[in-house]
Amino acid sequence: MKQLLKYLFAAVLILQLIACNDNTDAEKLFNETPTTRLNNQKTELNEALLSSPQGWKAVYFTDNTVLGGYTHLFRFAADGTVVMASDFDSDTDQYKSEYAIQVGSTVSLTFTTKNRIHLLSDSNNYPIPALRAKGYLGDFQFLYYGQENGEIIFKANRNNTEIRFVKATAEDWANLPKNLIMEQNVIGGEERPLFRLLETTDGTTTHKFDFSFTPATRFANSNSIETGYSVSYDMGIGYTPTGIIVSPAVEVGGQKLSNFTYNDADGSFTATGTGGVSATIKYTTKPLALTDDYKFLLPGKPLSWFGFYVDDYTIDSPANSPLFYKELEKVNASLPAGQSILSVQIYANHSLGTFIYYTFVGRAAIFHYVTVQEDAVGKKAILKHKSWNGNTTAAAPAFLASIDKYFMDPEGLYVKAESFRLFYSDPVYTFTSASSPFRMTTWKLQ
């Protein structure tokens, strides 16, 4: 019994000592003034910024509901200067500016003189009309929220977006231009198919989603094509030398996948989890979901009028393919000085017939009259040549022959009503060659 009491007494004594130490720490914390705590955080942040010999790297997703990520590299110096580089655009050179660790209601890292980070906060510099006067929703004042696993955690003063600084390496600085090479892989070259899908698997079940990417905003939309399965993934995309980072992450089988590796052989990007979980962005040769929108062109239907114009928002549509832009350039290069293509319009079942109507600056418009056949199985319209300006024996004008052949694709045209809008409320339709990566964006005007 005495031995038991002895152990109980020792245990109580130990608990009392621990309680005293806890109280001492708490008292010390509460005895610190707010000013002292902020000054301690300022010192802590300053030491952290200077502790990495190669500086810090951050992939800044300013708002991952509408924009992608922009990689920034920072190398801080004790004299209040910072060397910075980014993949915001083709200029990946390094620039020096000034920074300050400021104390207000909290501690913040502020980039006080203009550098690459300010490109994201310039209200006059915006990627799409919807962000007019808002810029890229970025900030140059980062509120300090501590450190975790060797990373410095900030939140943007503008919208509370989290930014994490990870220690940079010499390779990060050397390889930054490779991000822009990867950008072209994400956009896709002329030789790649126009259609993409996101395919996920949780180890047993596979789901497919359509996938569209907007280069100007570095943002992708992806929606399920399966009836009764309404999952969608909208994600900002950031570039790396070996692939992409997405935010929000693609969640599959309870796992969050955010790092995708590029495969140049087939142009795919794959993120791999555990237990057979994966997500892959890859090409397909035809749309995942075929529509009946091509029926607007069929004989006997009401008048339909579609128009692409080089002087309005259709020229900047993310749905236009690189090959389409290249063909426009070829038309202009073939025309005499002072002349250029102005629009490509498609009229179906007009009182004059069905025709492609080419207009120009500096020369008369040209009518290409066509007939239309239906591919009901493939859900395509096949345009057949009838005449140029009513002359059934005339050959195609030399400067139009190259671009026109895609509308006359023997495999037909896919026609699709797009879910996005181009500033105005008019519906947007795309025309895609079934056998080549040629796609044009139009308004549906009638």
Protein backbone atom coordinates (compact mmCIF):
# COMPACT_ATOMS: atom_id res chain seq x y z
CA MET A 1 0.00 0.00 0.00
CA LYS A 2 2.84 2.34 0.88
CA GLN A 3 4.50 1.56 -2.44
CA LEU A 4 1.28 2.46 -4.32
CA LEU A 5 0.95 5.76 -2.46
CA LYS A 6 4.55 6.52 -3.34
CA TYR A 7 3.87 6.11 -7.07
CA LEU A 8 0.67 8.15 -6.87
CA PHE A 9 2.49 11.00 -5.17
CA ALA A 10 5.22 10.97 -7.86
CA ALA A 11 2.62 11.07 -10.64
CA VAL A 12 0.81 14.03 -9.07
CA LEU A 13 4.09 15.87 -8.66
CA ILE A 14 4.98 15.35 -12.34
CA LEU A 15 1.56 16.63 -13.46
CA GLN A 16 1.95 19.72 -11.31
CA LEU A 17 5.37 20.46 -12.82
CA ILE A 18 3.99 20.10 -16.36
CA ALA A 19 1.08 22.38 -15.50
CA CYS A 20 3.46 24.97 -14.13
CA ASN A 21 5.55 24.88 -17.32
CA ASP A 22 2.41 25.21 -19.48
CA ASN A 23 1.24 28.13 -17.42
CA THR A 24 4.66 29.74 -17.72
CA ASP A 25 4.57 29.43 -21.54
CA ALA A 26 1.02 30.75 -21.69
CA GLU A 27 1.90 33.64 -19.43
CA LYS A 28 4.91 34.42 -21.59
CA LEU A 29 2.70 34.40 -24.70
CA PHE A 30 0.06 36.60 -23.17
CA ASN A 31 2.66 38.91 -21.70
CA GLU A 32 3.91 39.69 -25.21
CA THR A 33 2.43 42.84 -26.61
CA PRO A 34 0.88 42.76 -30.09
CA THR A 35 3.76 44.94 -31.28
CA THR A 36 6.31 42.45 -29.94
CA ARG A 37 4.56 39.53 -31.60
CA LEU A 38 4.41 41.34 -34.94
CA ASN A 39 8.06 42.35 -34.72
CA ASN A 40 9.00 38.74 -33.95
CA GLN A 41 7.04 37.60 -37.01
CA LYS A 42 8.78 40.24 -39.11
CA THR A 43 12.17 38.93 -38.01
CA GLU A 44 11.03 35.36 -38.61
CA LEU A 45 9.87 36.15 -42.15
CA ASN A 46 12.99 38.15 -42.97
CA GLU A 47 15.24 35.28 -41.87
CA ALA A 48 13.18 32.80 -43.88
CA LEU A 49 13.30 34.85 -47.10
CA LEU A 50 17.10 35.12 -46.87
CA SER A 51 17.65 31.49 -45.85
CA SER A 52 17.36 29.88 -49.29
CA PRO A 53 20.52 30.37 -51.42
CA GLN A 54 18.57 30.03 -54.70
CA GLY A 55 15.55 31.91 -53.44
CA TRP A 56 11.95 30.82 -53.64
CA LYS A 57 9.44 29.58 -56.20
CA ALA A 58 5.69 30.15 -56.21
CA VAL A 59 3.03 29.05 -58.70
CA TYR A 60 0.54 31.86 -58.15
CA PHE A 61 -3.07 30.94 -58.94
CA THR A 62 -4.64 34.38 -58.50
CA ASP A 63 -8.20 32.98 -58.80
CA ASN A 64 -8.51 29.34 -59.79
CA THR A 65 -12.16 29.74 -60.77
CA VAL A 66 -11.26 31.76 -63.86
CA LEU A 67 -7.46 31.83 -64.25
CA GLY A 68 -4.49 29.51 -64.26
CA GLY A 69 -1.16 29.64 -62.44
CA TYR A 70 1.89 31.81 -63.08
CA THR A 71 5.31 30.65 -61.90
CA HIS A 72 7.45 33.28 -60.18
CA LEU A 73 11.00 32.96 -58.89
CA PHE A 74 12.34 35.28 -56.18
CA ARG A 75 15.84 35.76 -54.80
CA PHE A 76 15.82 38.12 -51.83
CA ALA A 77 18.79 40.16 -50.56
CA ALA A 78 19.38 41.77 -47.18
CA ASP A 79 19.56 45.23 -48.77
CA GLY A 80 15.84 45.11 -49.59
CA THR A 81 16.19 44.12 -53.24
CA VAL A 82 14.77 41.10 -54.97
CA VAL A 83 15.63 39.46 -58.28
CA MET A 84 12.52 38.10 -59.97
CA ALA A 85 11.57 36.09 -63.06
CA SER A 86 8.26 34.65 -64.24
CA ASP A 87 6.57 32.70 -67.04
CA PHE A 88 3.77 35.26 -67.39
CA ASP A 89 4.79 35.79 -71.01
CA SER A 90 7.74 35.09 -73.29
CA ASP A 91 10.04 37.32 -71.20
CA THR A 92 11.63 34.99 -68.64
CA ASP A 93 14.62 37.26 -67.95
CA GLN A 94 15.57 38.24 -64.41
CA TYR A 95 14.81 41.73 -63.08
CA LYS A 96 15.77 43.49 -59.86
CA SER A 97 13.37 45.57 -57.81
CA GLU A 98 12.68 46.37 -54.17
CA TYR A 99 10.64 44.71 -51.46
CA ALA A 100 9.72 45.43 -47.86
CA ILE A 101 8.45 43.45 -44.90
CA GLN A 102 5.76 45.71 -43.54
CA VAL A 103 3.99 45.66 -40.19
CA GLY A 104 0.38 46.77 -39.93
CA SER A 105 -2.46 44.76 -38.49
CA THR A 106 -0.35 41.81 -39.64
CA VAL A 107 3.05 41.20 -41.22
CA SER A 108 3.23 41.32 -45.01
CA LEU A 109 5.73 40.93 -47.81
CA THR A 110 5.21 43.81 -50.23
CA PHE A 111 6.92 44.26 -53.59
CA THR A 112 7.28 48.02 -53.45
CA THR A 113 8.69 48.75 -56.91
CA LYS A 114 7.49 47.41 -60.23
CA ASN A 115 8.55 43.94 -61.33
CA ARG A 116 7.07 40.83 -62.93
CA ILE A 117 4.59 40.20 -60.11
CA HIS A 118 2.87 43.51 -60.88
CA LEU A 119 1.78 42.24 -64.30
CA LEU A 120 -0.91 40.23 -62.51
CA SER A 121 -2.36 43.24 -60.70
CA ASP A 122 -2.39 45.81 -63.52
CA SER A 123 -6.07 46.58 -64.11
CA ASN A 124 -5.32 47.78 -67.65
CA ASN A 125 -3.81 44.41 -68.55
CA TYR A 126 -6.56 41.81 -68.76
CA PRO A 127 -6.79 38.52 -70.72
CA ILE A 128 -10.50 38.48 -71.61
CA PRO A 129 -13.29 41.10 -71.77
CA ALA A 130 -14.92 39.68 -68.62
CA LEU A 131 -11.84 40.78 -66.66
CA ARG A 132 -11.79 44.31 -68.05
CA ALA A 133 -10.45 46.74 -65.40
CA LYS A 134 -9.65 43.77 -63.14
CA GLY A 135 -6.45 42.54 -64.75
CA TYR A 136 -5.35 39.06 -63.77
CA LEU A 137 -6.77 39.43 -60.23
CA GLY A 138 -3.29 39.35 -58.77
CA ASP A 139 -1.63 41.17 -55.87
CA PHE A 140 1.81 42.38 -54.85
CA GLN A 141 1.17 42.42 -51.08
CA PHE A 142 1.27 39.00 -49.45
CA LEU A 143 0.13 38.60 -45.84
CA TYR A 144 2.37 36.29 -43.81
CA TYR A 145 0.70 33.20 -42.32
CA GLY A 146 3.70 31.24 -41.04
CA GLN A 147 5.72 28.28 -42.25
CA GLU A 148 4.98 24.62 -42.83
CA ASN A 149 7.26 21.80 -43.96
CA GLY A 150 9.88 24.25 -45.15
CA GLU A 151 7.35 26.34 -47.13
CA ILE A 152 6.41 29.96 -46.43
CA ILE A 153 2.66 30.51 -46.43
CA PHE A 154 1.08 33.77 -47.57
CA LYS A 155 -2.38 34.99 -48.48
CA ALA A 156 -2.97 37.70 -51.03
CA ASN A 157 -4.24 40.92 -49.49
CA ARG A 158 -6.58 41.41 -52.47
CA ASN A 159 -8.69 38.26 -52.26
CA ASN A 160 -7.19 36.01 -49.55
CA THR A 161 -5.82 33.53 -52.10
CA GLU A 162 -3.14 31.29 -50.61
CA ILE A 163 0.38 31.49 -52.06
CA ARG A 164 3.08 29.06 -51.00
CA PHE A 165 6.79 29.74 -51.43
CA VAL A 166 8.93 26.62 -51.82
CA LYS A 167 12.69 26.68 -51.91
CA ALA A 168 13.96 27.20 -55.45
CA THR A 169 16.91 25.46 -57.06
CA ALA A 170 19.42 26.54 -59.69
CA GLU A 171 17.51 24.28 -62.10
CA ASP A 172 14.29 26.20 -61.46
CA TRP A 173 15.94 29.39 -62.71
CA ALA A 174 17.62 27.69 -65.67
CA ASN A 175 14.51 25.77 -66.72
CA LEU A 176 11.94 28.54 -66.45
CA PRO A 177 11.85 29.09 -70.26
CA LYS A 178 10.80 25.45 -70.63
CA ASN A 179 7.46 26.38 -69.08
CA LEU A 180 6.67 28.31 -72.25
CA ILE A 181 7.57 25.32 -74.40
CA MET A 182 5.14 23.32 -72.27
CA GLU A 183 2.52 26.01 -72.87
CA GLN A 184 2.61 25.18 -76.58
CA ASN A 185 2.17 21.49 -75.73
CA VAL A 186 -0.93 22.34 -73.70
CA ILE A 187 -2.32 24.51 -76.50
CA GLY A 188 -1.56 21.78 -79.04
CA GLY A 189 0.17 22.02 -82.40
CA GLU A 190 -1.30 21.99 -85.88
CA GLU A 191 -0.58 18.29 -86.22
CA ARG A 192 -2.58 17.30 -83.13
CA PRO A 193 -6.31 16.53 -83.24
CA LEU A 194 -8.63 19.30 -82.08
CA PHE A 195 -10.62 17.21 -79.64
CA ARG A 196 -9.50 16.28 -76.16
CA LEU A 197 -10.87 14.38 -73.23
CA LEU A 198 -10.11 13.97 -69.56
CA GLU A 199 -10.23 10.33 -68.52
CA THR A 200 -10.24 9.34 -64.85
CA THR A 201 -10.07 5.95 -63.19
CA ASP A 202 -10.36 5.07 -59.52
CA GLY A 203 -8.81 1.65 -60.12
CA THR A 204 -12.04 0.00 -61.18
CA THR A 205 -14.33 2.55 -62.86
CA THR A 206 -13.38 4.86 -65.74
CA HIS A 207 -15.15 8.14 -66.56
CA LYS A 208 -14.70 10.42 -69.56
CA PHE A 209 -15.12 14.17 -69.76
CA ASP A 210 -14.81 16.61 -72.63
CA PHE A 211 -11.88 19.01 -72.22
CA SER A 212 -11.37 22.52 -73.53
CA PHE A 213 -8.51 24.88 -72.76
CA THR A 214 -8.31 28.67 -73.09
CA PRO A 215 -4.70 29.83 -73.54
CA ALA A 216 -5.40 33.49 -72.70
CA THR A 217 -6.57 32.61 -69.19
CA ARG A 218 -4.71 29.31 -68.74
CA PHE A 219 -8.04 27.81 -67.73
CA ALA A 220 -9.73 24.53 -68.67
CA ASN A 221 -13.31 23.29 -68.53
CA SER A 222 -14.19 19.63 -68.42
CA ASN A 223 -17.68 18.13 -68.21
CA SER A 224 -18.90 14.56 -68.06
CA ILE A 225 -20.31 13.13 -71.27
CA GLU A 226 -22.16 10.32 -69.45
CA THR A 227 -25.91 10.50 -68.98
CA GLY A 228 -26.79 10.74 -65.31
CA TYR A 229 -23.22 11.53 -64.26
CA SER A 230 -23.00 15.28 -63.74
CA VAL A 231 -19.43 15.64 -62.43
CA SER A 232 -17.33 18.42 -63.94
CA TYR A 233 -13.82 19.72 -63.42
CA ASP A 234 -12.95 23.37 -64.01
CA MET A 235 -9.30 24.04 -63.34
CA GLY A 236 -6.58 26.61 -63.63
CA ILE A 237 -3.41 25.34 -65.27
CA GLY A 238 0.17 26.24 -64.48
CA TYR A 239 3.14 25.17 -66.59
CA THR A 240 6.24 23.26 -65.48
CA PRO A 241 9.25 22.05 -67.49
CA THR A 242 7.82 18.51 -67.47
CA GLY A 243 4.05 19.02 -67.49
CA ILE A 244 1.35 21.01 -65.75
CA ILE A 245 -0.02 21.78 -62.30
CA VAL A 246 -3.79 22.11 -61.96
CA SER A 247 -5.82 23.92 -59.32
CA PRO A 248 -8.23 22.88 -57.94
CA ALA A 249 -6.87 19.37 -58.02
CA VAL A 250 -8.75 16.64 -59.88
CA GLU A 251 -10.23 14.45 -57.17
CA VAL A 252 -10.47 10.77 -58.09
CA GLY A 253 -11.22 7.95 -55.68
CA GLY A 254 -10.67 10.24 -52.71
CA GLN A 255 -7.23 11.28 -53.98
CA LYS A 256 -6.32 14.77 -55.18
CA LEU A 257 -4.26 14.80 -58.36
CA SER A 258 -2.60 18.07 -59.31
CA ASN A 259 0.72 17.24 -61.02
CA PHE A 260 0.43 15.97 -64.60
CA THR A 261 3.42 14.71 -66.61
CA TYR A 262 3.63 15.30 -70.36
CA ASN A 263 4.14 12.49 -72.89
CA ASP A 264 5.38 13.91 -76.17
CA ALA A 265 4.66 10.70 -78.08
CA ASP A 266 0.89 11.18 -77.93
CA GLY A 267 0.54 14.67 -76.42
CA SER A 268 -1.09 13.40 -73.23
CA PHE A 269 -0.74 14.62 -69.64
CA THR A 270 -1.11 12.07 -66.84
CA ALA A 271 -1.36 12.36 -63.06
CA THR A 272 -0.93 9.11 -61.15
CA GLY A 273 -2.11 8.35 -57.64
CA THR A 274 -2.01 5.09 -55.71
CA GLY A 275 -4.08 1.92 -56.07
CA GLY A 276 -4.66 2.37 -59.78
CA VAL A 277 -5.99 5.94 -59.46
CA SER A 278 -5.10 8.23 -62.37
CA ALA A 279 -6.28 11.09 -64.55
CA THR A 280 -5.20 11.66 -68.15
CA ILE A 281 -5.77 14.52 -70.56
CA LYS A 282 -5.47 13.13 -74.08
CA TYR A 283 -6.47 13.62 -77.69
CA THR A 284 -9.30 12.02 -79.61
CA THR A 285 -10.03 12.24 -83.34
CA LYS A 286 -13.70 13.16 -83.01
CA PRO A 287 -15.96 14.95 -80.52
CA LEU A 288 -16.94 12.89 -77.50
CA ALA A 289 -20.52 14.10 -77.74
CA LEU A 290 -21.91 14.56 -81.24
CA THR A 291 -24.66 17.13 -81.69
CA ASP A 292 -27.44 17.70 -84.21
CA ASP A 293 -26.38 21.31 -84.74
CA TYR A 294 -25.19 20.47 -88.26
CA LYS A 295 -28.87 20.15 -89.25
CA PHE A 296 -29.11 23.95 -89.53
CA LEU A 297 -27.31 23.56 -92.87
CA LEU A 298 -29.54 20.91 -94.37
CA PRO A 299 -31.84 21.72 -97.30
CA GLY A 300 -35.37 22.68 -96.36
CA LYS A 301 -34.45 24.21 -93.01
CA PRO A 302 -35.08 27.91 -92.17
CA LEU A 303 -32.47 30.52 -93.02
CA SER A 304 -29.36 30.31 -90.84
CA TRP A 305 -26.51 32.82 -90.84
CA PHE A 306 -23.15 32.27 -89.14
CA GLY A 307 -20.30 34.79 -89.15
CA PHE A 308 -16.62 35.00 -88.27
CA TYR A 309 -15.08 38.49 -88.31
CA VAL A 310 -11.45 39.51 -87.92
CA ASP A 311 -12.40 42.81 -86.28
CA ASP A 312 -14.51 41.48 -83.41
CA TYR A 313 -14.37 38.94 -80.59
CA THR A 314 -14.58 35.89 -82.84
CA ILE A 315 -10.94 36.46 -83.84
CA ASP A 316 -9.83 35.86 -80.24
CA SER A 317 -12.04 32.85 -79.55
CA PRO A 318 -10.25 30.02 -77.73
CA ALA A 319 -12.03 27.58 -80.04
CA ASN A 320 -10.26 28.80 -83.19
CA SER A 321 -7.53 26.35 -84.09
CA PRO A 322 -3.90 27.22 -84.92
CA LEU A 323 -4.47 25.83 -88.42
CA PHE A 324 -7.39 28.21 -88.95
CA TYR A 325 -5.25 31.20 -87.99
CA LYS A 326 -2.49 29.97 -90.28
CA GLU A 327 -4.92 29.76 -93.20
CA LEU A 328 -6.11 33.32 -92.58
CA GLU A 329 -2.49 34.47 -92.71
CA LYS A 330 -2.01 32.61 -96.01
CA VAL A 331 -5.01 34.39 -97.52
CA ASN A 332 -3.66 37.79 -96.54
CA ALA A 333 -0.16 36.94 -97.73
CA SER A 334 -1.59 36.05 -101.16
CA LEU A 335 -3.56 39.27 -101.56
CA PRO A 336 -2.15 42.51 -103.00
CA ALA A 337 -1.04 45.26 -100.65
CA GLY A 338 -3.97 47.08 -99.05
CA GLN A 339 -6.26 44.06 -99.24
CA SER A 340 -7.07 41.56 -96.49
CA ILE A 341 -9.77 39.13 -95.50
CA LEU A 342 -12.48 40.63 -93.29
CA SER A 343 -15.00 37.86 -92.66
CA VAL A 344 -16.03 34.30 -93.41
CA GLN A 345 -19.80 33.89 -93.28
CA ILE A 346 -21.94 30.84 -93.91
CA TYR A 347 -25.52 31.25 -95.12
CA ALA A 348 -27.74 28.19 -95.25
CA ASN A 349 -31.07 28.18 -97.11
CA HIS A 350 -30.86 31.85 -98.08
CA SER A 351 -33.10 33.03 -100.92
CA LEU A 352 -29.91 32.98 -103.05
CA GLY A 353 -29.00 29.47 -101.95
CA THR A 354 -26.47 28.06 -99.49
CA PHE A 355 -23.04 29.65 -99.72
CA ILE A 356 -19.83 30.65 -98.00
CA TYR A 357 -19.53 34.42 -98.17
CA TYR A 358 -15.97 35.81 -98.05
CA THR A 359 -15.59 39.56 -97.52
CA PHE A 360 -12.45 41.65 -97.73
CA VAL A 361 -10.90 45.01 -97.11
CA GLY A 362 -10.08 46.60 -100.45
CA ARG A 363 -11.89 44.19 -102.79
CA ALA A 364 -15.33 42.82 -103.62
CA ALA A 365 -16.90 39.96 -101.70
CA ILE A 366 -16.86 36.42 -103.12
CA PHE A 367 -19.68 33.86 -102.99
CA HIS A 368 -18.91 30.15 -102.93
CA TYR A 369 -22.23 28.41 -103.63
CA VAL A 370 -22.50 24.88 -102.26
CA THR A 371 -24.92 22.02 -101.83
CA VAL A 372 -25.24 20.16 -98.53
CA GLN A 373 -25.48 16.44 -97.86
CA GLU A 374 -26.16 14.84 -94.51
CA ASP A 375 -24.04 12.22 -92.76
CA ALA A 376 -26.68 11.19 -90.24
CA VAL A 377 -24.54 8.49 -88.64
CA GLY A 378 -21.50 10.72 -88.17
CA LYS A 379 -23.70 13.76 -87.41
CA LYS A 380 -21.92 15.90 -89.99
CA ALA A 381 -22.80 18.13 -92.91
CA ILE A 382 -20.87 17.57 -96.16
CA LEU A 383 -20.52 20.65 -98.36
CA LYS A 384 -20.18 20.13 -102.11
CA HIS A 385 -18.91 22.76 -104.56
CA LYS A 386 -21.54 24.28 -106.85
CA SER A 387 -20.13 27.55 -108.21
CA TRP A 388 -18.00 30.62 -107.57
CA ASN A 389 -20.07 33.79 -107.82
CA GLY A 390 -22.62 31.80 -109.83
CA ASN A 391 -20.07 30.63 -112.43
CA THR A 392 -20.11 26.82 -112.42
CA THR A 393 -16.95 26.54 -114.52
CA ALA A 394 -14.79 29.01 -112.61
CA ALA A 395 -11.94 27.68 -110.48
CA ALA A 396 -11.45 28.68 -106.86
CA PRO A 397 -9.62 32.02 -106.52
CA ALA A 398 -5.99 31.18 -105.82
CA PHE A 399 -5.88 33.15 -102.56
CA LEU A 400 -8.93 31.26 -101.20
CA ALA A 401 -8.18 27.76 -102.43
CA SER A 402 -6.23 26.70 -99.35
CA ILE A 403 -8.68 27.82 -96.67
CA ASP A 404 -11.77 26.87 -98.67
CA LYS A 405 -10.77 23.24 -99.01
CA TYR A 406 -11.36 22.69 -95.29
CA PHE A 407 -14.99 23.72 -95.62
CA MET A 408 -15.25 21.28 -98.53
CA ASP A 409 -13.78 18.43 -96.49
CA PRO A 410 -15.11 15.19 -98.04
CA GLU A 411 -15.42 13.80 -94.51
CA GLY A 412 -17.72 16.66 -93.60
CA LEU A 413 -18.02 19.37 -90.96
CA TYR A 414 -18.94 19.09 -87.30
CA VAL A 415 -21.14 21.97 -86.12
CA LYS A 416 -21.47 22.71 -82.42
CA ALA A 417 -23.29 25.26 -80.27
CA GLU A 418 -20.70 26.23 -77.66
CA SER A 419 -21.54 26.85 -74.01
CA PHE A 420 -19.34 29.94 -73.77
CA ARG A 421 -20.09 33.47 -74.96
CA LEU A 422 -17.81 36.04 -76.54
CA PHE A 423 -18.71 39.21 -74.63
CA TYR A 424 -22.08 39.58 -76.35
CA SER A 425 -25.13 37.42 -75.71
CA ASP A 426 -25.24 36.02 -79.26
CA PRO A 427 -24.84 32.23 -79.41
CA VAL A 428 -21.44 30.93 -80.50
CA TYR A 429 -21.08 28.06 -82.97
CA THR A 430 -17.96 26.31 -84.23
CA PHE A 431 -17.33 24.62 -87.58
CA THR A 432 -14.72 21.86 -87.51
CA SER A 433 -13.24 19.87 -90.35
CA ALA A 434 -13.79 16.18 -89.67
CA SER A 435 -10.42 15.07 -91.07
CA SER A 436 -8.08 17.91 -90.04
CA PRO A 437 -7.41 20.23 -87.07
CA PHE A 438 -9.25 23.16 -88.65
CA ARG A 439 -11.89 24.93 -86.57
CA MET A 440 -13.57 28.33 -86.94
CA THR A 441 -15.66 30.21 -84.39
CA THR A 442 -18.76 32.11 -85.48
CA TRP A 443 -21.70 34.02 -84.12
CA LYS A 444 -25.10 32.59 -85.04
CA LEU A 445 -26.76 35.73 -86.33
CA GLN A 446 -29.97 34.25 -87.73
